[in-house]
N, C-alpha and C. Protein backbone atom coordinates (compact mmCIF):
# COMPACT_ATOMS: atom_id res chain seq x y z
N MET A 1 -10.24 -22.90 14.67
CA MET A 1 -9.08 -23.33 15.41
C MET A 1 -8.78 -22.26 16.55
N GLY A 2 -8.65 -22.81 17.75
CA GLY A 2 -8.31 -21.87 18.93
C GLY A 2 -7.02 -21.41 18.95
N ARG A 3 -6.74 -20.70 20.02
CA ARG A 3 -5.39 -20.21 20.30
C ARG A 3 -4.40 -21.31 20.60
N ARG A 4 -3.14 -21.02 20.25
CA ARG A 4 -2.09 -22.21 20.46
C ARG A 4 -1.55 -21.57 21.82
N ILE A 5 -1.65 -22.32 22.88
CA ILE A 5 -1.03 -21.93 24.15
C ILE A 5 -0.05 -23.00 24.54
N VAL A 6 1.13 -22.33 24.92
CA VAL A 6 2.19 -23.35 25.24
C VAL A 6 2.93 -22.87 26.57
N VAL A 7 3.24 -23.71 27.42
CA VAL A 7 3.83 -23.36 28.64
C VAL A 7 5.36 -23.86 28.38
N TYR A 8 6.11 -22.72 28.65
CA TYR A 8 7.58 -22.81 28.59
C TYR A 8 8.29 -22.76 29.94
N GLY A 9 9.18 -23.84 30.15
CA GLY A 9 10.11 -23.71 31.38
C GLY A 9 11.20 -22.75 31.15
N ASN A 10 11.37 -21.89 32.06
CA ASN A 10 12.69 -20.94 31.95
C ASN A 10 13.65 -21.22 33.05
N GLY A 11 14.45 -22.22 32.69
CA GLY A 11 15.32 -22.90 33.84
C GLY A 11 16.78 -22.16 33.76
N ASP A 12 17.13 -21.29 32.83
CA ASP A 12 18.45 -20.77 32.67
C ASP A 12 18.74 -19.89 33.88
N LYS A 13 19.41 -20.28 34.98
CA LYS A 13 19.65 -19.53 36.00
C LYS A 13 21.05 -18.77 36.05
N THR A 14 21.53 -18.84 34.82
CA THR A 14 22.94 -17.99 34.63
C THR A 14 22.69 -16.63 34.57
N ARG A 15 23.85 -15.85 34.46
CA ARG A 15 23.56 -14.25 34.33
C ARG A 15 22.87 -14.09 32.91
N LEU A 16 22.98 -14.90 31.92
CA LEU A 16 22.36 -14.68 30.59
C LEU A 16 20.79 -15.09 30.72
N GLY A 17 20.43 -15.82 31.65
CA GLY A 17 19.05 -16.19 31.93
C GLY A 17 18.50 -15.34 33.02
N PHE A 18 17.99 -15.89 34.03
CA PHE A 18 17.36 -15.36 35.24
C PHE A 18 17.90 -16.06 36.46
N PRO A 19 18.88 -15.32 37.20
CA PRO A 19 19.59 -15.90 38.30
C PRO A 19 18.68 -16.25 39.53
N THR A 20 17.66 -15.43 39.62
CA THR A 20 16.71 -15.57 40.76
C THR A 20 15.13 -15.50 40.29
N ALA A 21 14.36 -16.07 41.05
CA ALA A 21 12.94 -15.85 40.64
C ALA A 21 12.41 -14.41 40.56
N GLN A 22 12.98 -13.56 41.37
CA GLN A 22 12.70 -12.16 41.31
C GLN A 22 13.18 -11.62 39.97
N ASP A 23 14.31 -11.90 39.38
CA ASP A 23 14.74 -11.44 38.16
C ASP A 23 13.82 -11.88 37.06
N PHE A 24 13.23 -13.22 37.18
CA PHE A 24 12.42 -13.65 36.27
C PHE A 24 11.04 -12.96 36.31
N ARG A 25 10.55 -12.63 37.49
CA ARG A 25 9.37 -11.97 37.59
C ARG A 25 9.53 -10.43 37.17
N GLN A 26 10.52 -9.69 37.54
CA GLN A 26 10.91 -8.45 36.81
C GLN A 26 10.97 -8.40 35.44
N TRP A 27 11.46 -9.31 34.77
CA TRP A 27 11.56 -9.54 33.38
C TRP A 27 10.10 -9.70 32.75
N ILE A 28 9.17 -10.44 33.28
CA ILE A 28 7.82 -10.67 32.80
C ILE A 28 7.22 -9.34 32.90
N LYS A 29 7.26 -8.62 34.18
CA LYS A 29 6.60 -7.47 34.51
C LYS A 29 6.97 -6.33 33.63
N GLU A 30 8.20 -6.07 33.47
CA GLU A 30 8.73 -4.78 32.90
C GLU A 30 9.84 -4.93 31.77
N ASP A 31 10.87 -5.75 32.14
CA ASP A 31 12.01 -5.86 31.38
C ASP A 31 11.91 -6.24 29.90
N VAL A 32 10.98 -7.24 29.64
CA VAL A 32 10.92 -7.72 28.24
C VAL A 32 10.65 -6.52 27.38
N PHE A 33 9.92 -5.43 27.84
CA PHE A 33 9.70 -4.31 27.00
C PHE A 33 10.87 -3.26 27.41
N ALA A 34 10.96 -2.85 28.56
CA ALA A 34 11.96 -1.85 28.88
C ALA A 34 13.30 -2.09 28.41
N LYS A 35 13.77 -3.42 28.59
CA LYS A 35 15.24 -3.71 28.07
C LYS A 35 15.19 -4.41 26.81
N PHE A 36 14.28 -5.11 26.42
CA PHE A 36 14.42 -6.01 25.35
C PHE A 36 13.52 -5.57 24.14
N GLY A 37 12.84 -4.49 24.20
CA GLY A 37 12.02 -4.15 23.19
C GLY A 37 10.89 -5.01 22.73
N GLY A 38 10.33 -5.77 23.70
CA GLY A 38 9.29 -6.80 23.37
C GLY A 38 9.67 -8.01 22.67
N ARG A 39 10.94 -8.36 22.85
CA ARG A 39 11.48 -9.63 22.21
C ARG A 39 11.76 -10.51 23.21
N TYR A 40 11.32 -11.79 23.20
CA TYR A 40 11.58 -13.02 24.01
C TYR A 40 12.40 -13.89 23.26
N HIS A 41 13.61 -14.07 23.76
CA HIS A 41 14.50 -14.88 23.19
C HIS A 41 14.31 -16.33 23.73
N TYR A 42 14.36 -17.39 22.89
CA TYR A 42 14.22 -18.74 23.43
C TYR A 42 14.92 -19.75 22.53
N THR A 43 15.10 -20.99 23.24
CA THR A 43 15.86 -22.02 22.43
C THR A 43 14.99 -22.86 21.61
N GLN A 44 13.72 -22.68 21.85
CA GLN A 44 12.80 -23.61 21.23
C GLN A 44 11.81 -22.57 20.47
N GLY A 45 11.11 -23.28 19.40
CA GLY A 45 10.30 -22.36 18.65
C GLY A 45 8.95 -22.90 18.25
N LYS A 46 8.16 -23.32 19.21
CA LYS A 46 6.87 -23.67 18.84
C LYS A 46 5.94 -22.48 18.41
N ASP A 47 5.13 -22.81 17.49
CA ASP A 47 4.01 -21.70 17.24
C ASP A 47 3.24 -21.49 18.44
N ALA A 48 3.03 -20.26 18.76
CA ALA A 48 2.19 -19.90 19.92
C ALA A 48 1.57 -18.62 19.77
N ASP A 49 0.35 -18.53 20.27
CA ASP A 49 -0.32 -17.27 20.48
C ASP A 49 -0.20 -16.71 21.88
N VAL A 50 -0.09 -17.61 22.75
CA VAL A 50 0.17 -17.28 24.35
C VAL A 50 1.25 -18.27 24.71
N ILE A 51 2.25 -17.63 25.57
CA ILE A 51 3.14 -18.43 26.24
C ILE A 51 3.02 -18.23 27.69
N VAL A 52 2.77 -19.30 28.50
CA VAL A 52 2.78 -19.35 29.78
C VAL A 52 4.23 -19.55 30.41
N LEU A 53 4.71 -18.58 31.11
CA LEU A 53 6.09 -18.60 31.54
C LEU A 53 6.25 -19.18 32.86
N SER A 54 7.04 -20.27 33.00
CA SER A 54 7.19 -21.06 34.20
C SER A 54 8.74 -21.16 34.67
N ARG A 55 8.87 -21.40 36.01
CA ARG A 55 10.25 -21.59 36.45
C ARG A 55 10.09 -22.56 37.63
N ASP A 56 10.86 -23.57 37.66
CA ASP A 56 10.70 -24.58 38.73
C ASP A 56 9.27 -25.06 38.96
N GLY A 57 8.60 -25.27 37.99
CA GLY A 57 7.28 -25.82 38.19
C GLY A 57 6.10 -24.78 38.51
N LEU A 58 6.48 -23.53 38.60
CA LEU A 58 5.63 -22.39 38.92
C LEU A 58 5.29 -21.51 37.71
N ALA A 59 4.24 -21.27 37.37
CA ALA A 59 3.75 -20.31 36.32
C ALA A 59 3.81 -18.98 36.95
N HIS A 60 4.48 -18.05 36.36
CA HIS A 60 4.52 -16.71 36.98
C HIS A 60 3.76 -15.62 36.10
N GLY A 61 3.55 -15.92 34.95
CA GLY A 61 2.86 -15.03 34.16
C GLY A 61 2.67 -15.53 32.72
N HIS A 62 2.30 -14.77 31.78
CA HIS A 62 2.21 -15.14 30.37
C HIS A 62 2.44 -13.90 29.40
N PHE A 63 2.77 -14.25 28.28
CA PHE A 63 2.93 -13.30 27.13
C PHE A 63 1.79 -13.69 25.97
N GLU A 64 1.26 -12.58 25.53
CA GLU A 64 0.50 -12.72 24.30
C GLU A 64 1.49 -12.39 23.14
N ILE A 65 1.47 -13.21 22.26
CA ILE A 65 2.51 -13.21 21.18
C ILE A 65 1.98 -12.64 19.91
N GLU A 66 2.83 -11.73 19.24
CA GLU A 66 2.48 -11.16 17.92
C GLU A 66 3.03 -12.09 16.86
N ASP A 67 4.26 -12.44 17.09
CA ASP A 67 4.93 -13.18 15.95
C ASP A 67 5.99 -13.83 16.44
N LYS A 68 6.47 -14.76 15.70
CA LYS A 68 7.68 -15.59 15.86
C LYS A 68 8.69 -15.34 14.64
N VAL A 69 9.88 -14.84 15.02
CA VAL A 69 10.88 -14.56 13.92
C VAL A 69 12.29 -15.24 14.19
N MET A 70 13.06 -15.28 13.16
CA MET A 70 14.35 -15.69 13.31
C MET A 70 15.18 -14.59 14.08
N PRO A 71 16.04 -14.93 14.91
CA PRO A 71 16.81 -13.99 15.71
C PRO A 71 17.67 -13.12 14.75
N ASP A 72 17.93 -11.91 15.13
CA ASP A 72 18.79 -11.08 14.41
C ASP A 72 20.22 -10.96 15.27
N GLU A 73 21.19 -10.27 14.85
CA GLU A 73 22.51 -10.17 15.39
C GLU A 73 22.28 -9.65 16.88
N LYS A 74 21.53 -8.67 17.05
CA LYS A 74 21.26 -8.22 18.38
C LYS A 74 20.61 -9.20 19.27
N ASP A 75 19.62 -9.88 18.88
CA ASP A 75 19.08 -10.97 19.57
C ASP A 75 20.28 -12.03 20.06
N ARG A 76 21.05 -12.24 19.18
CA ARG A 76 22.25 -13.23 19.56
C ARG A 76 23.07 -12.72 20.53
N GLN A 77 23.33 -11.45 20.48
CA GLN A 77 24.33 -10.68 21.56
C GLN A 77 23.65 -10.70 22.90
N VAL A 78 22.34 -10.53 22.95
CA VAL A 78 21.55 -10.53 24.17
C VAL A 78 21.66 -11.81 24.81
N TYR A 79 21.25 -13.05 23.98
CA TYR A 79 21.16 -14.34 24.43
C TYR A 79 21.81 -15.20 23.43
N PRO A 80 23.02 -15.51 23.44
CA PRO A 80 23.67 -16.33 22.39
C PRO A 80 23.11 -17.77 22.12
N ARG A 81 22.38 -18.20 22.97
CA ARG A 81 21.53 -19.52 22.78
C ARG A 81 20.36 -19.50 22.04
N VAL A 82 19.92 -18.35 21.69
CA VAL A 82 18.60 -18.05 21.10
C VAL A 82 18.38 -18.84 19.68
N LYS A 83 17.42 -19.48 19.55
CA LYS A 83 16.97 -20.06 18.20
C LYS A 83 15.85 -19.34 17.62
N PHE A 84 14.93 -18.88 18.38
CA PHE A 84 13.79 -18.24 17.83
C PHE A 84 13.54 -16.76 18.67
N THR A 85 13.07 -15.93 18.20
CA THR A 85 12.52 -14.76 18.91
C THR A 85 11.05 -14.43 18.78
N TYR A 86 10.39 -14.42 19.90
CA TYR A 86 9.02 -14.03 19.91
C TYR A 86 8.72 -12.73 19.98
N ILE A 87 7.95 -12.00 19.29
CA ILE A 87 7.46 -10.53 19.27
C ILE A 87 6.31 -10.59 20.42
N VAL A 88 6.43 -9.94 21.55
CA VAL A 88 5.55 -9.95 22.70
C VAL A 88 4.59 -8.76 22.40
N ARG A 89 3.26 -9.08 22.41
CA ARG A 89 2.18 -7.94 22.30
C ARG A 89 1.95 -7.47 23.75
N SER A 90 1.84 -8.35 24.70
CA SER A 90 1.50 -7.77 26.08
C SER A 90 1.92 -8.83 27.04
N SER A 91 2.19 -8.48 28.21
CA SER A 91 2.61 -9.44 29.22
C SER A 91 1.64 -9.32 30.49
N VAL A 92 1.65 -10.46 31.23
CA VAL A 92 0.72 -10.36 32.47
C VAL A 92 1.64 -11.11 33.37
N LEU A 93 1.92 -10.40 34.57
CA LEU A 93 2.55 -11.01 35.74
C LEU A 93 1.51 -11.42 36.74
N TYR A 94 1.54 -12.65 37.07
CA TYR A 94 0.45 -13.20 38.06
C TYR A 94 0.88 -12.76 39.49
N GLU A 95 -0.20 -12.38 40.34
CA GLU A 95 0.11 -11.88 41.61
C GLU A 95 0.79 -12.97 42.53
N LYS A 96 0.44 -14.25 42.23
CA LYS A 96 1.18 -15.25 43.04
C LYS A 96 1.36 -16.34 41.87
N PRO A 97 2.56 -16.93 42.06
CA PRO A 97 2.92 -18.14 41.22
C PRO A 97 1.98 -19.29 41.38
N VAL A 98 1.69 -19.96 40.26
CA VAL A 98 0.69 -21.06 40.25
C VAL A 98 1.48 -22.37 40.08
N HIS A 99 1.28 -23.45 41.11
CA HIS A 99 1.85 -24.79 40.96
C HIS A 99 1.10 -25.42 39.99
N LEU A 100 1.99 -25.74 38.82
CA LEU A 100 1.37 -26.34 37.66
C LEU A 100 1.16 -27.91 37.93
N ALA A 101 1.98 -28.39 38.71
CA ALA A 101 1.71 -29.87 39.00
C ALA A 101 0.29 -30.05 39.72
N ALA A 102 -0.18 -29.14 40.38
CA ALA A 102 -1.49 -29.20 41.06
C ALA A 102 -2.57 -29.24 40.06
N LEU A 103 -2.26 -28.86 38.86
CA LEU A 103 -3.32 -28.64 37.72
C LEU A 103 -2.91 -29.84 36.80
N ARG A 104 -2.12 -30.74 37.20
CA ARG A 104 -1.67 -31.88 36.23
C ARG A 104 -1.00 -31.37 35.09
N ILE A 105 -0.31 -30.29 35.19
CA ILE A 105 0.45 -29.86 33.99
C ILE A 105 1.93 -30.13 34.25
N ARG A 106 2.51 -30.95 33.50
CA ARG A 106 3.90 -31.09 33.65
C ARG A 106 4.73 -30.17 32.73
N VAL A 107 5.53 -29.44 33.28
CA VAL A 107 6.42 -28.40 32.43
C VAL A 107 7.50 -29.06 31.76
N CYS A 108 7.58 -28.68 30.37
CA CYS A 108 8.79 -29.14 29.67
C CYS A 108 9.58 -27.89 29.28
N SER A 109 10.89 -27.87 29.26
CA SER A 109 11.48 -26.68 28.72
C SER A 109 11.27 -26.42 27.27
N PHE A 110 11.07 -27.68 26.54
CA PHE A 110 10.74 -27.48 25.14
C PHE A 110 9.36 -27.24 24.75
N GLY A 111 8.52 -26.91 25.65
CA GLY A 111 7.15 -26.41 25.50
C GLY A 111 6.15 -27.59 25.62
N ARG A 112 5.07 -27.14 26.42
CA ARG A 112 3.88 -28.08 26.65
C ARG A 112 2.75 -27.43 26.27
N PRO A 113 2.14 -27.86 25.17
CA PRO A 113 0.80 -27.27 24.77
C PRO A 113 -0.31 -27.53 25.91
N ILE A 114 -1.11 -26.52 26.12
CA ILE A 114 -2.19 -26.72 26.91
C ILE A 114 -3.51 -26.20 26.24
N ASP A 115 -4.65 -26.48 26.79
CA ASP A 115 -5.89 -25.97 26.17
C ASP A 115 -6.34 -24.66 27.05
N GLU A 116 -7.49 -24.20 26.40
CA GLU A 116 -7.99 -22.89 27.02
C GLU A 116 -8.54 -23.09 28.39
N VAL A 117 -9.11 -24.20 28.66
CA VAL A 117 -9.62 -24.62 30.05
C VAL A 117 -8.40 -24.58 30.88
N GLN A 118 -7.29 -25.20 30.72
CA GLN A 118 -6.19 -25.32 31.62
C GLN A 118 -5.61 -23.78 31.80
N PHE A 119 -5.56 -23.14 30.68
CA PHE A 119 -5.10 -21.77 30.77
C PHE A 119 -6.02 -20.84 31.75
N ALA A 120 -7.28 -21.09 31.50
CA ALA A 120 -8.14 -20.34 32.36
C ALA A 120 -7.89 -20.61 33.92
N ARG A 121 -7.72 -21.76 34.18
CA ARG A 121 -7.54 -22.28 35.54
C ARG A 121 -6.21 -21.64 36.11
N ILE A 122 -5.18 -21.55 35.37
CA ILE A 122 -3.81 -21.01 35.67
C ILE A 122 -4.08 -19.49 35.95
N LYS A 123 -4.79 -18.73 35.13
CA LYS A 123 -5.01 -17.40 35.36
C LYS A 123 -5.88 -17.10 36.56
N ALA A 124 -6.80 -17.96 36.80
CA ALA A 124 -7.83 -17.83 37.89
C ALA A 124 -6.90 -18.09 39.23
N LEU A 125 -6.04 -18.83 39.29
CA LEU A 125 -5.25 -19.12 40.52
C LEU A 125 -4.07 -18.06 40.49
N GLY A 126 -3.79 -17.51 39.57
CA GLY A 126 -2.64 -16.51 39.67
C GLY A 126 -2.96 -14.94 39.79
N LEU A 127 -4.08 -14.71 39.41
CA LEU A 127 -4.60 -13.27 39.44
C LEU A 127 -5.45 -13.01 40.50
């Protein structure tokens, strides 16, 4: 069985989420580790080995996932809407955002599974 790859839309533009695209990119690049200890708080909980991170139809990067756990109290303080917490092994920020619609990938906030071929295309366009 291959890796489970999911595209998540990150549409929360409040102060709890990502007010700007730059905030989102900074979080992928550094903050998920520097500020959140490698913990990705999300409202959905698909099993995933890789999560492609999108906002407004653009893939900005991806996380390699170590595990999915139930949120603890600190997770809930950071993001009260959290339902599941992913433990991030590594993160990749794409040099340029990738238009997912051009690849016929429709983003859903609740997670869209994709295959290795689609994932390879996203990486090739973003890196």
